Amino acid sequence: AANINTYGPYALKDWSHDESVTFIVNPFWAGTPYIPAPQIA
C-alpha cells in the first residue's frame, strides 16, 4: 500500500496481509461512459 501506483476508480489505502484490504476513491478518476466515478467512498 505504501508503494503501489495505480490509476483506476479506486486507490489502495491499506493492505494488512491476512486481515483486510481497504480501497479509497481516486478523486482524479473523472469517470468514462463505461467506468463511471465510484459512488462508494
Full PDB file with SEQRES, HELIX, SHEET, SSBOND, CRYST1, ORIGX, SCALE, CONECT and MASTER records, all heavy atoms in Angstrom:
SEQRES   1 A   41  ALA ALA ASN ILE ASN THR TYR GLY PRO TYR ALA LEU LYS          
SEQRES   2 A   41  ASP TRP SER HIS ASP GLU SER VAL THR PHE ILE VAL ASN          
SEQRES   3 A   41  PRO PHE TRP ALA GLY THR PRO TYR ILE PRO ALA PRO GLN          
SEQRES   4 A   41  ILE ALA                                                      
SHEET    1 AA1 2 TYR A  10  SER A  16  0                                        
SHEET    2 AA1 2 SER A  20  VAL A  25 -1                                        
CRYST1    1.000    1.000    1.000  90.00  90.00  90.00 P 1           1          
ORIGX1      1.000000  0.000000  0.000000        0.00000                         
ORIGX2      0.000000  1.000000  0.000000        0.00000                         
ORIGX3      0.000000  0.000000  1.000000        0.00000                         
SCALE1      1.000000  0.000000  0.000000        0.00000                         
SCALE2      0.000000  1.000000  0.000000        0.00000                         
SCALE3      0.000000  0.000000  1.000000        0.00000                         
ATOM      1  N   ALA A   1       0.817  -1.221   0.000  1.00  0.00           N  
ATOM      2  CA  ALA A   1       0.000   0.000   0.000  1.00  0.00           C  
ATOM      3  C   ALA A   1       0.850   1.270   0.000  1.00  0.00           C  
ATOM      4  O   ALA A   1       0.471   2.279  -0.608  1.00  0.00           O  
ATOM      5  CB  ALA A   1      -0.942  -0.008   1.195  1.00  0.00           C  
ATOM      6  N   ALA A   2       1.995   1.241   0.659  1.00  0.00           N  
ATOM      7  CA  ALA A   2       2.824   2.440   0.748  1.00  0.00           C  
ATOM      8  C   ALA A   2       3.564   2.724  -0.560  1.00  0.00           C  
ATOM      9  O   ALA A   2       4.031   3.854  -0.766  1.00  0.00           O  
ATOM     10  CB  ALA A   2       3.846   2.277   1.880  1.00  0.00           C  
ATOM     11  N   ASN A   3       3.627   1.719  -1.462  1.00  0.00           N  
ATOM     12  CA  ASN A   3       4.442   1.865  -2.664  1.00  0.00           C  
ATOM     13  C   ASN A   3       3.664   1.838  -3.968  1.00  0.00           C  
ATOM     14  O   ASN A   3       4.135   2.374  -4.975  1.00  0.00           O  
ATOM     15  CB  ASN A   3       5.488   0.743  -2.720  1.00  0.00           C  
ATOM     16  CG  ASN A   3       6.309   0.637  -1.456  1.00  0.00           C  
ATOM     17  OD1 ASN A   3       6.557   1.635  -0.784  1.00  0.00           O  
ATOM     18  ND2 ASN A   3       6.731  -0.574  -1.108  1.00  0.00           N  
ATOM     19  N   ILE A   4       2.515   1.214  -3.977  1.00  0.00           N  
ATOM     20  CA  ILE A   4       1.838   0.915  -5.237  1.00  0.00           C  
ATOM     21  C   ILE A   4       1.332   2.175  -5.939  1.00  0.00           C  
ATOM     22  O   ILE A   4       0.840   3.113  -5.316  1.00  0.00           O  
ATOM     23  CB  ILE A   4       0.673  -0.077  -4.996  1.00  0.00           C  
ATOM     24  CG1 ILE A   4       0.176  -0.642  -6.327  1.00  0.00           C  
ATOM     25  CG2 ILE A   4      -0.460   0.574  -4.212  1.00  0.00           C  
ATOM     26  CD1 ILE A   4      -0.774  -1.818  -6.163  1.00  0.00           C  
ATOM     27  N   ASN A   5       1.515   2.193  -7.262  1.00  0.00           N  
ATOM     28  CA  ASN A   5       0.978   3.245  -8.118  1.00  0.00           C  
ATOM     29  C   ASN A   5      -0.116   2.634  -8.975  1.00  0.00           C  
ATOM     30  O   ASN A   5       0.110   1.607  -9.634  1.00  0.00           O  
ATOM     31  CB  ASN A   5       2.065   3.814  -9.032  1.00  0.00           C  
ATOM     32  CG  ASN A   5       3.145   4.601  -8.304  1.00  0.00           C  
ATOM     33  OD1 ASN A   5       3.987   5.216  -8.927  1.00  0.00           O  
ATOM     34  ND2 ASN A   5       3.153   4.574  -6.981  1.00  0.00           N  
ATOM     35  N   THR A   6      -1.298   3.239  -8.985  1.00  0.00           N  
ATOM     36  CA  THR A   6      -2.414   2.741  -9.776  1.00  0.00           C  
ATOM     37  C   THR A   6      -3.077   3.921 -10.484  1.00  0.00           C  
ATOM     38  O   THR A   6      -2.628   5.058 -10.365  1.00  0.00           O  
ATOM     39  CB  THR A   6      -3.435   2.006  -8.888  1.00  0.00           C  
ATOM     40  OG1 THR A   6      -3.954   2.922  -7.900  1.00  0.00           O  
ATOM     41  CG2 THR A   6      -2.789   0.827  -8.172  1.00  0.00           C  
ATOM     42  N   TYR A   7      -4.169   3.653 -11.187  1.00  0.00           N  
ATOM     43  CA  TYR A   7      -4.810   4.739 -11.936  1.00  0.00           C  
ATOM     44  C   TYR A   7      -6.326   4.612 -12.025  1.00  0.00           C  
ATOM     45  O   TYR A   7      -6.989   5.480 -12.590  1.00  0.00           O  
ATOM     46  CB  TYR A   7      -4.237   4.797 -13.364  1.00  0.00           C  
ATOM     47  CG  TYR A   7      -4.341   3.473 -14.104  1.00  0.00           C  
ATOM     48  CD1 TYR A   7      -5.517   3.083 -14.733  1.00  0.00           C  
ATOM     49  CD2 TYR A   7      -3.262   2.602 -14.153  1.00  0.00           C  
ATOM     50  CE1 TYR A   7      -5.613   1.870 -15.390  1.00  0.00           C  
ATOM     51  CE2 TYR A   7      -3.337   1.389 -14.814  1.00  0.00           C  
ATOM     52  CZ  TYR A   7      -4.517   1.025 -15.433  1.00  0.00           C  
ATOM     53  OH  TYR A   7      -4.611  -0.176 -16.071  1.00  0.00           O  
ATOM     54  N   GLY A   8      -6.890   3.520 -11.523  1.00  0.00           N  
ATOM     55  CA  GLY A   8      -8.304   3.250 -11.715  1.00  0.00           C  
ATOM     56  C   GLY A   8      -9.234   4.007 -10.785  1.00  0.00           C  
ATOM     57  O   GLY A   8      -8.835   4.936 -10.082  1.00  0.00           O  
ATOM     58  N   PRO A   9     -10.505   3.618 -10.722  1.00  0.00           N  
ATOM     59  CA  PRO A   9     -11.517   4.309  -9.911  1.00  0.00           C  
ATOM     60  C   PRO A   9     -11.179   4.353  -8.420  1.00  0.00           C  
ATOM     61  O   PRO A   9     -11.594   5.266  -7.713  1.00  0.00           O  
ATOM     62  CB  PRO A   9     -12.783   3.496 -10.156  1.00  0.00           C  
ATOM     63  CG  PRO A   9     -12.550   2.784 -11.442  1.00  0.00           C  
ATOM     64  CD  PRO A   9     -11.087   2.510 -11.503  1.00  0.00           C  
ATOM     65  N   TYR A  10     -10.436   3.350  -7.960  1.00  0.00           N  
ATOM     66  CA  TYR A  10     -10.037   3.305  -6.552  1.00  0.00           C  
ATOM     67  C   TYR A  10      -8.519   3.234  -6.426  1.00  0.00           C  
ATOM     68  O   TYR A  10      -7.830   2.771  -7.326  1.00  0.00           O  
ATOM     69  CB  TYR A  10     -10.650   2.091  -5.847  1.00  0.00           C  
ATOM     70  CG  TYR A  10     -12.118   2.249  -5.512  1.00  0.00           C  
ATOM     71  CD1 TYR A  10     -13.097   1.860  -6.428  1.00  0.00           C  
ATOM     72  CD2 TYR A  10     -12.528   2.800  -4.295  1.00  0.00           C  
ATOM     73  CE1 TYR A  10     -14.443   2.013  -6.128  1.00  0.00           C  
ATOM     74  CE2 TYR A  10     -13.875   2.952  -3.994  1.00  0.00           C  
ATOM     75  CZ  TYR A  10     -14.823   2.556  -4.915  1.00  0.00           C  
ATOM     76  OH  TYR A  10     -16.157   2.716  -4.619  1.00  0.00           O  
ATOM     77  N   ALA A  11      -8.033   3.692  -5.290  1.00  0.00           N  
ATOM     78  CA  ALA A  11      -6.613   3.557  -4.937  1.00  0.00           C  
ATOM     79  C   ALA A  11      -6.518   2.639  -3.726  1.00  0.00           C  
ATOM     80  O   ALA A  11      -7.487   2.482  -2.961  1.00  0.00           O  
ATOM     81  CB  ALA A  11      -6.001   4.923  -4.631  1.00  0.00           C  
ATOM     82  N   LEU A  12      -5.357   2.030  -3.533  1.00  0.00           N  
ATOM     83  CA  LEU A  12      -5.152   1.134  -2.395  1.00  0.00           C  
ATOM     84  C   LEU A  12      -4.754   1.954  -1.173  1.00  0.00           C  
ATOM     85  O   LEU A  12      -3.698   2.579  -1.151  1.00  0.00           O  
ATOM     86  CB  LEU A  12      -4.062   0.114  -2.729  1.00  0.00           C  
ATOM     87  CG  LEU A  12      -3.808  -0.969  -1.674  1.00  0.00           C  
ATOM     88  CD1 LEU A  12      -5.048  -1.836  -1.483  1.00  0.00           C  
ATOM     89  CD2 LEU A  12      -2.615  -1.826  -2.082  1.00  0.00           C  
ATOM     90  N   LYS A  13      -5.606   1.945  -0.163  1.00  0.00           N  
ATOM     91  CA  LYS A  13      -5.342   2.708   1.057  1.00  0.00           C  
ATOM     92  C   LYS A  13      -4.547   1.898   2.074  1.00  0.00           C  
ATOM     93  O   LYS A  13      -3.623   2.399   2.720  1.00  0.00           O  
ATOM     94  CB  LYS A  13      -6.653   3.176   1.680  1.00  0.00           C  
ATOM     95  CG  LYS A  13      -6.479   3.998   2.949  1.00  0.00           C  
ATOM     96  CD  LYS A  13      -7.830   4.451   3.499  1.00  0.00           C  
ATOM     97  CE  LYS A  13      -7.657   5.277   4.771  1.00  0.00           C  
ATOM     98  NZ  LYS A  13      -8.973   5.712   5.319  1.00  0.00           N  
ATOM     99  N   ASP A  14      -4.927   0.622   2.219  1.00  0.00           N  
ATOM    100  CA  ASP A  14      -4.253  -0.224   3.219  1.00  0.00           C  
ATOM    101  C   ASP A  14      -4.364  -1.680   2.802  1.00  0.00           C  
ATOM    102  O   ASP A  14      -5.375  -2.104   2.251  1.00  0.00           O  
ATOM    103  CB  ASP A  14      -4.896  -0.026   4.597  1.00  0.00           C  
ATOM    104  CG  ASP A  14      -4.283  -0.954   5.646  1.00  0.00           C  
ATOM    105  OD1 ASP A  14      -3.139  -0.695   6.063  1.00  0.00           O  
ATOM    106  OD2 ASP A  14      -4.938  -1.949   6.010  1.00  0.00           O  
ATOM    107  N   TRP A  15      -3.317  -2.442   3.070  1.00  0.00           N  
ATOM    108  CA  TRP A  15      -3.333  -3.888   2.853  1.00  0.00           C  
ATOM    109  C   TRP A  15      -2.667  -4.542   4.051  1.00  0.00           C  
ATOM    110  O   TRP A  15      -1.454  -4.656   4.135  1.00  0.00           O  
ATOM    111  CB  TRP A  15      -2.614  -4.247   1.561  1.00  0.00           C  
ATOM    112  CG  TRP A  15      -2.721  -5.702   1.188  1.00  0.00           C  
ATOM    113  CD1 TRP A  15      -3.467  -6.672   1.792  1.00  0.00           C  
ATOM    114  CD2 TRP A  15      -2.040  -6.346   0.106  1.00  0.00           C  
ATOM    115  NE1 TRP A  15      -3.304  -7.868   1.164  1.00  0.00           N  
ATOM    116  CE2 TRP A  15      -2.446  -7.706   0.127  1.00  0.00           C  
ATOM    117  CE3 TRP A  15      -1.137  -5.914  -0.867  1.00  0.00           C  
ATOM    118  CZ2 TRP A  15      -1.952  -8.626  -0.805  1.00  0.00           C  
ATOM    119  CZ3 TRP A  15      -0.650  -6.830  -1.792  1.00  0.00           C  
ATOM    120  CH2 TRP A  15      -1.065  -8.176  -1.763  1.00  0.00           C  
ATOM    121  N   SER A  16      -3.482  -4.943   5.013  1.00  0.00           N  
ATOM    122  CA  SER A  16      -2.999  -5.659   6.189  1.00  0.00           C  
ATOM    123  C   SER A  16      -3.096  -7.142   5.873  1.00  0.00           C  
ATOM    124  O   SER A  16      -4.189  -7.733   5.946  1.00  0.00           O  
ATOM    125  CB  SER A  16      -3.842  -5.309   7.425  1.00  0.00           C  
ATOM    126  OG  SER A  16      -3.759  -3.926   7.709  1.00  0.00           O  
ATOM    127  N   HIS A  17      -1.988  -7.726   5.489  1.00  0.00           N  
ATOM    128  CA  HIS A  17      -1.986  -9.094   4.982  1.00  0.00           C  
ATOM    129  C   HIS A  17      -2.651 -10.064   5.963  1.00  0.00           C  
ATOM    130  O   HIS A  17      -2.438 -10.018   7.167  1.00  0.00           O  
ATOM    131  CB  HIS A  17      -0.557  -9.536   4.693  1.00  0.00           C  
ATOM    132  CG  HIS A  17       0.056  -8.787   3.545  1.00  0.00           C  
ATOM    133  ND1 HIS A  17      -0.148  -9.121   2.234  1.00  0.00           N  
ATOM    134  CD2 HIS A  17       0.846  -7.675   3.527  1.00  0.00           C  
ATOM    135  CE1 HIS A  17       0.503  -8.279   1.454  1.00  0.00           C  
ATOM    136  NE2 HIS A  17       1.112  -7.386   2.215  1.00  0.00           N  
ATOM    137  N   ASP A  18      -3.481 -10.942   5.379  1.00  0.00           N  
ATOM    138  CA  ASP A  18      -4.227 -11.960   6.123  1.00  0.00           C  
ATOM    139  C   ASP A  18      -5.344 -11.369   6.985  1.00  0.00           C  
ATOM    140  O   ASP A  18      -6.004 -12.116   7.720  1.00  0.00           O  
ATOM    141  CB  ASP A  18      -3.297 -12.799   7.012  1.00  0.00           C  
ATOM    142  CG  ASP A  18      -2.250 -13.545   6.202  1.00  0.00           C  
ATOM    143  OD1 ASP A  18      -2.600 -14.049   5.122  1.00  0.00           O  
ATOM    144  OD2 ASP A  18      -1.093 -13.606   6.653  1.00  0.00           O  
ATOM    145  N   GLU A  19      -5.539 -10.070   6.929  1.00  0.00           N  
ATOM    146  CA  GLU A  19      -6.601  -9.446   7.727  1.00  0.00           C  
ATOM    147  C   GLU A  19      -7.606  -8.694   6.861  1.00  0.00           C  
ATOM    148  O   GLU A  19      -8.800  -8.993   6.870  1.00  0.00           O  
ATOM    149  CB  GLU A  19      -6.002  -8.493   8.761  1.00  0.00           C  
ATOM    150  CG  GLU A  19      -5.161  -9.182   9.833  1.00  0.00           C  
ATOM    151  CD  GLU A  19      -4.606  -8.201  10.840  1.00  0.00           C  
ATOM    152  OE1 GLU A  19      -5.015  -7.017  10.820  1.00  0.00           O  
ATOM    153  OE2 GLU A  19      -3.750  -8.607  11.658  1.00  0.00           O  
ATOM    154  N   SER A  20      -7.140  -7.693   6.107  1.00  0.00           N  
ATOM    155  CA  SER A  20      -8.074  -6.884   5.327  1.00  0.00           C  
ATOM    156  C   SER A  20      -7.333  -6.067   4.279  1.00  0.00           C  
ATOM    157  O   SER A  20      -6.111  -5.910   4.334  1.00  0.00           O  
ATOM    158  CB  SER A  20      -8.854  -5.932   6.240  1.00  0.00           C  
ATOM    159  OG  SER A  20      -7.983  -4.969   6.809  1.00  0.00           O  
ATOM    160  N   VAL A  21      -8.095  -5.533   3.329  1.00  0.00           N  
ATOM    161  CA  VAL A  21      -7.578  -4.609   2.328  1.00  0.00           C  
ATOM    162  C   VAL A  21      -8.609  -3.501   2.168  1.00  0.00           C  
ATOM    163  O   VAL A  21      -9.809  -3.759   2.161  1.00  0.00           O  
ATOM    164  CB  VAL A  21      -7.301  -5.322   0.984  1.00  0.00           C  
ATOM    165  CG1 VAL A  21      -8.576  -5.930   0.408  1.00  0.00           C  
ATOM    166  CG2 VAL A  21      -6.657  -4.383  -0.010  1.00  0.00           C  
ATOM    167  N   THR A  22      -8.135  -2.255   2.097  1.00  0.00           N  
ATOM    168  CA  THR A  22      -9.041  -1.109   2.023  1.00  0.00           C  
ATOM    169  C   THR A  22      -8.747  -0.268   0.789  1.00  0.00           C  
ATOM    170  O   THR A  22      -7.595   0.048   0.500  1.00  0.00           O  
ATOM    171  CB  THR A  22      -8.918  -0.225   3.283  1.00  0.00           C  
ATOM    172  OG1 THR A  22      -9.279  -0.998   4.429  1.00  0.00           O  
ATOM    173  CG2 THR A  22      -9.838   0.982   3.192  1.00  0.00           C  
ATOM    174  N   PHE A  23      -9.812   0.111   0.096  1.00  0.00           N  
ATOM    175  CA  PHE A  23      -9.714   0.943  -1.095  1.00  0.00           C  
ATOM    176  C   PHE A  23     -10.401   2.280  -0.839  1.00  0.00           C  
ATOM    177  O   PHE A  23     -11.403   2.342  -0.123  1.00  0.00           O  
ATOM    178  CB  PHE A  23     -10.375   0.263  -2.303  1.00  0.00           C  
ATOM    179  CG  PHE A  23     -10.039  -1.186  -2.418  1.00  0.00           C  
ATOM    180  CD1 PHE A  23     -10.890  -2.157  -1.920  1.00  0.00           C  
ATOM    181  CD2 PHE A  23      -8.860  -1.580  -3.003  1.00  0.00           C  
ATOM    182  CE1 PHE A  23     -10.580  -3.491  -2.006  1.00  0.00           C  
ATOM    183  CE2 PHE A  23      -8.535  -2.922  -3.102  1.00  0.00           C  
ATOM    184  CZ  PHE A  23      -9.384  -3.883  -2.604  1.00  0.00           C  
ATOM    185  N   ILE A  24      -9.884   3.313  -1.443  1.00  0.00           N  
ATOM    186  CA  ILE A  24     -10.458   4.644  -1.298  1.00  0.00           C  
ATOM    187  C   ILE A  24     -10.650   5.241  -2.686  1.00  0.00           C  
ATOM    188  O   ILE A  24      -9.872   4.971  -3.611  1.00  0.00           O  
ATOM    189  CB  ILE A  24      -9.552   5.544  -0.424  1.00  0.00           C  
ATOM    190  CG1 ILE A  24     -10.228   6.877  -0.141  1.00  0.00           C  
ATOM    191  CG2 ILE A  24      -8.178   5.731  -1.055  1.00  0.00           C  
ATOM    192  CD1 ILE A  24      -9.504   7.701   0.924  1.00  0.00           C  
ATOM    193  N   VAL A  25     -11.692   6.033  -2.853  1.00  0.00           N  
ATOM    194  CA  VAL A  25     -11.996   6.621  -4.151  1.00  0.00           C  
ATOM    195  C   VAL A  25     -10.806   7.433  -4.670  1.00  0.00           C  
ATOM    196  O   VAL A  25     -10.169   8.182  -3.922  1.00  0.00           O  
ATOM    197  CB  VAL A  25     -13.240   7.531  -4.053  1.00  0.00           C  
ATOM    198  CG1 VAL A  25     -13.322   8.469  -5.250  1.00  0.00           C  
ATOM    199  CG2 VAL A  25     -14.496   6.688  -3.991  1.00  0.00           C  
ATOM    200  N   ASN A  26     -10.520   7.250  -5.946  1.00  0.00           N  
ATOM    201  CA  ASN A  26      -9.499   8.047  -6.615  1.00  0.00           C  
ATOM    202  C   ASN A  26     -10.168   9.315  -7.143  1.00  0.00           C  
ATOM    203  O   ASN A  26     -10.900   9.258  -8.129  1.00  0.00           O  
ATOM    204  CB  ASN A  26      -8.882   7.244  -7.763  1.00  0.00           C  
ATOM    205  CG  ASN A  26      -7.960   8.069  -8.639  1.00  0.00           C  
ATOM    206  OD1 ASN A  26      -7.588   9.194  -8.302  1.00  0.00           O  
ATOM    207  ND2 ASN A  26      -7.596   7.510  -9.795  1.00  0.00           N  
ATOM    208  N   PRO A  27      -9.945  10.468  -6.530  1.00  0.00           N  
ATOM    209  CA  PRO A  27     -10.623  11.693  -6.956  1.00  0.00           C  
ATOM    210  C   PRO A  27     -10.176  12.171  -8.327  1.00  0.00           C  
ATOM    211  O   PRO A  27     -10.839  13.034  -8.930  1.00  0.00           O  
ATOM    212  CB  PRO A  27     -10.231  12.701  -5.869  1.00  0.00           C  
ATOM    213  CG  PRO A  27      -8.907  12.208  -5.369  1.00  0.00           C  
ATOM    214  CD  PRO A  27      -8.998  10.720  -5.428  1.00  0.00           C  
ATOM    215  N   PHE A  28      -9.083  11.603  -8.850  1.00  0.00           N  
ATOM    216  CA  PHE A  28      -8.579  12.019 -10.148  1.00  0.00           C  
ATOM    217  C   PHE A  28      -9.145  11.154 -11.283  1.00  0.00           C  
ATOM    218  O   PHE A  28      -8.825  11.379 -12.446  1.00  0.00           O  
ATOM    219  CB  PHE A  28      -7.046  11.979 -10.159  1.00  0.00           C  
ATOM    220  CG  PHE A  28      -6.433  12.856  -9.103  1.00  0.00           C  
ATOM    221  CD1 PHE A  28      -5.953  12.311  -7.908  1.00  0.00           C  
ATOM    222  CD2 PHE A  28      -6.376  14.235  -9.262  1.00  0.00           C  
ATOM    223  CE1 PHE A  28      -5.401  13.117  -6.925  1.00  0.00           C  
ATOM    224  CE2 PHE A  28      -5.828  15.048  -8.281  1.00  0.00           C  
ATOM    225  CZ  PHE A  28      -5.342  14.487  -7.101  1.00  0.00           C  
ATOM    226  N   TRP A  29      -9.973  10.155 -10.900  1.00  0.00           N  
ATOM    227  CA  TRP A  29     -10.678   9.358 -11.919  1.00  0.00           C  
ATOM    228  C   TRP A  29     -12.005  10.058 -12.192  1.00  0.00           C  
ATOM    229  O   TRP A  29     -12.962   9.929 -11.435  1.00  0.00           O  
ATOM    230  CB  TRP A  29     -10.896   7.924 -11.450  1.00  0.00           C  
ATOM    231  CG  TRP A  29     -11.619   7.076 -12.467  1.00  0.00           C  
ATOM    232  CD1 TRP A  29     -12.957   6.877 -12.565  1.00  0.00           C  
ATOM    233  CD2 TRP A  29     -11.023   6.337 -13.545  1.00  0.00           C  
ATOM    234  NE1 TRP A  29     -13.256   6.065 -13.626  1.00  0.00           N  
ATOM    235  CE2 TRP A  29     -12.078   5.721 -14.247  1.00  0.00           C  
ATOM    236  CE3 TRP A  29      -9.719   6.140 -13.970  1.00  0.00           C  
ATOM    237  CZ2 TRP A  29     -11.861   4.914 -15.363  1.00  0.00           C  
ATOM    238  CZ3 TRP A  29      -9.495   5.341 -15.080  1.00  0.00           C  
ATOM    239  CH2 TRP A  29     -10.553   4.732 -15.765  1.00  0.00           C  
ATOM    240  N   ALA A  30     -12.070  10.795 -13.281  1.00  0.00           N  
ATOM    241  CA  ALA A  30     -13.270  11.578 -13.587  1.00  0.00           C  
ATOM    242  C   ALA A  30     -14.420  10.703 -14.059  1.00  0.00           C  
ATOM    243  O   ALA A  30     -15.585  11.126 -14.031  1.00  0.00           O  
ATOM    244  CB  ALA A  30     -12.933  12.626 -14.654  1.00  0.00           C  
ATOM    245  N   GLY A  31     -14.096   9.493 -14.484  1.00  0.00           N  
ATOM    246  CA  GLY A  31     -15.130   8.600 -14.988  1.00  0.00           C  
ATOM    247  C   GLY A  31     -15.206   8.627 -16.496  1.00  0.00           C  
ATOM    248  O   GLY A  31     -14.871   9.627 -17.140  1.00  0.00           O  
ATOM    249  N   THR A  32     -15.615   7.506 -17.073  1.00  0.00           N  
ATOM    250  CA  THR A  32     -15.831   7.395 -18.518  1.00  0.00           C  
ATOM    251  C   THR A  32     -17.258   6.902 -18.722  1.00  0.00           C  
ATOM    252  O   THR A  32     -17.933   6.521 -17.754  1.00  0.00           O  
ATOM    253  CB  THR A  32     -14.847   6.390 -19.152  1.00  0.00           C  
ATOM    254  OG1 THR A  32     -15.248   5.050 -18.791  1.00  0.00           O  
ATOM    255  CG2 THR A  32     -13.417   6.641 -18.692  1.00  0.00           C  
ATOM    256  N   PRO A  33     -17.746   6.887 -19.957  1.00  0.00           N  
ATOM    257  CA  PRO A  33     -19.106   6.363 -20.183  1.00  0.00           C  
ATOM    258  C   PRO A  33     -19.265   4.911 -19.750  1.00  0.00           C  
ATOM    259  O   PRO A  33     -20.385   4.452 -19.520  1.00  0.00           O  
ATOM    260  CB  PRO A  33     -19.280   6.518 -21.699  1.00  0.00           C  
ATOM    261  CG  PRO A  33     -18.374   7.642 -22.076  1.00  0.00           C  
ATOM    262  CD  PRO A  33     -17.179   7.481 -21.184  1.00  0.00           C  
ATOM    263  N   TYR A  34     -18.147   4.207 -19.627  1.00  0.00           N  
ATOM    264  CA  TYR A  34     -18.216   2.783 -19.302  1.00  0.00           C  
ATOM    265  C   TYR A  34     -17.699   2.461 -17.903  1.00  0.00           C  
ATOM    266  O   TYR A  34     -18.042   1.425 -17.334  1.00  0.00           O  
ATOM    267  CB  TYR A  34     -17.431   1.977 -20.351  1.00  0.00           C  
ATOM    268  CG  TYR A  34     -17.961   2.181 -21.741  1.00  0.00           C  
ATOM    269  CD1 TYR A  34     -17.418   3.164 -22.573  1.00  0.00           C  
ATOM    270  CD2 TYR A  34     -19.025   1.435 -22.217  1.00  0.00           C  
ATOM    271  CE1 TYR A  34     -17.928   3.371 -23.852  1.00  0.00           C  
ATOM    272  CE2 TYR A  34     -19.535   1.631 -23.492  1.00  0.00           C  
ATOM    273  CZ  TYR A  34     -18.989   2.610 -24.297  1.00  0.00           C  
ATOM    274  OH  TYR A  34     -19.496   2.811 -25.557  1.00  0.00           O  
ATOM    275  N   ILE A  35     -16.848   3.321 -17.353  1.00  0.00           N  
ATOM    276  CA  ILE A  35     -16.359   3.144 -15.980  1.00  0.00           C  
ATOM    277  C   ILE A  35     -16.583   4.465 -15.253  1.00  0.00           C  
ATOM    278  O   ILE A  35     -15.709   5.336 -15.236  1.00  0.00           O  
ATOM    279  CB  ILE A  35     -14.862   2.769 -15.932  1.00  0.00           C  
ATOM    280  CG1 ILE A  35     -14.560   1.588 -16.850  1.00  0.00           C  
ATOM    281  CG2 ILE A  35     -14.455   2.418 -14.497  1.00  0.00           C  
ATOM    282  CD1 ILE A  35     -13.086   1.196 -16.886  1.00  0.00           C  
ATOM    283  N   PRO A  36     -17.764   4.651 -14.667  1.00  0.00           N  
ATOM    284  CA  PRO A  36     -18.076   5.928 -14.025  1.00  0.00           C  
ATOM    285  C   PRO A  36     -17.298   6.131 -12.730  1.00  0.00           C  
ATOM    286  O   PRO A  36     -16.674   5.201 -12.214  1.00  0.00           O  
ATOM    287  CB  PRO A  36     -19.576   5.810 -13.745  1.00  0.00           C  
ATOM    288  CG  PRO A  36     -19.813   4.334 -13.624  1.00  0.00           C  
ATOM    289  CD  PRO A  36     -18.874   3.696 -14.598  1.00  0.00           C  
ATOM    290  N   ALA A  37     -17.323   7.351 -12.231  1.00  0.00           N  
ATOM    291  CA  ALA A  37     -16.703   7.634 -10.933  1.00  0.00           C  
ATOM    292  C   ALA A  37     -17.454   6.855  -9.859  1.00  0.00           C  
ATOM    293  O   ALA A  37     -18.689   6.755  -9.898  1.00  0.00           O  
ATOM    294  CB  ALA A  37     -16.760   9.126 -10.645  1.00  0.00           C  
ATOM    295  N   PRO A  38     -16.757   6.274  -8.897  1.00  0.00           N  
ATOM    296  CA  PRO A  38     -17.410   5.460  -7.853  1.00  0.00           C  
ATOM    297  C   PRO A  38     -18.365   6.273  -6.985  1.00  0.00           C  
ATOM    298  O   PRO A  38     -18.171   7.472  -6.784  1.00  0.00           O  
ATOM    299  CB  PRO A  38     -16.226   4.947  -7.024  1.00  0.00           C  
ATOM    300  CG  PRO A  38     -15.031   5.094  -7.889  1.00  0.00           C  
ATOM    301  CD  PRO A  38     -15.297   6.288  -8.744  1.00  0.00           C  
ATOM    302  N   GLN A  39     -19.370   5.592  -6.460  1.00  0.00           N  
ATOM    303  CA  GLN A  39     -20.337   6.227  -5.561  1.00  0.00           C  
ATOM    304  C   GLN A  39     -20.103   5.844  -4.107  1.00  0.00           C  
ATOM    305  O   GLN A  39     -20.698   6.411  -3.208  1.00  0.00           O  
ATOM    306  CB  GLN A  39     -21.761   5.832  -5.968  1.00  0.00           C  
ATOM    307  CG  GLN A  39     -22.133   6.288  -7.378  1.00  0.00           C  
ATOM    308  CD  GLN A  39     -22.030   7.796  -7.544  1.00  0.00           C  
ATOM    309  OE1 GLN A  39     -22.662   8.551  -6.816  1.00  0.00           O  
ATOM    310  NE2 GLN A  39     -21.215   8.242  -8.497  1.00  0.00           N  
ATOM    311  N   ILE A  40     -19.252   4.850  -3.873  1.00  0.00           N  
ATOM    312  CA  ILE A  40     -18.925   4.420  -2.519  1.00  0.00           C  
ATOM    313  C   ILE A  40     -17.545   4.967  -2.173  1.00  0.00           C  
ATOM    314  O   ILE A  40     -16.569   4.709  -2.878  1.00  0.00           O  
ATOM    315  CB  ILE A  40     -18.942   2.888  -2.394  1.00  0.00           C  
ATOM    316  CG1 ILE A  40     -20.322   2.353  -2.786  1.00  0.00           C  
ATOM    317  CG2 ILE A  40     -18.599   2.455  -0.974  1.00  0.00           C  
ATOM    318  CD1 ILE A  40     -20.419   0.850  -2.783  1.00  0.00           C  
ATOM    319  N   ALA A  41     -17.467   5.745  -1.100  1.00  0.00           N  
ATOM    320  CA  ALA A  41     -16.234   6.470  -0.790  1.00  0.00           C  
ATOM    321  C   ALA A  41     -15.082   5.555  -0.414  1.00  0.00           C  
ATOM    322  O   ALA A  41     -13.941   5.804  -0.784  1.00  0.00           O  
ATOM    323  CB  ALA A  41     -16.496   7.467   0.338  1.00  0.00           C  
TER     324      ALA A  41                                                      
MASTER        0    0    0    0    2    0    0    6  323    1    0    4          
END                                                                             
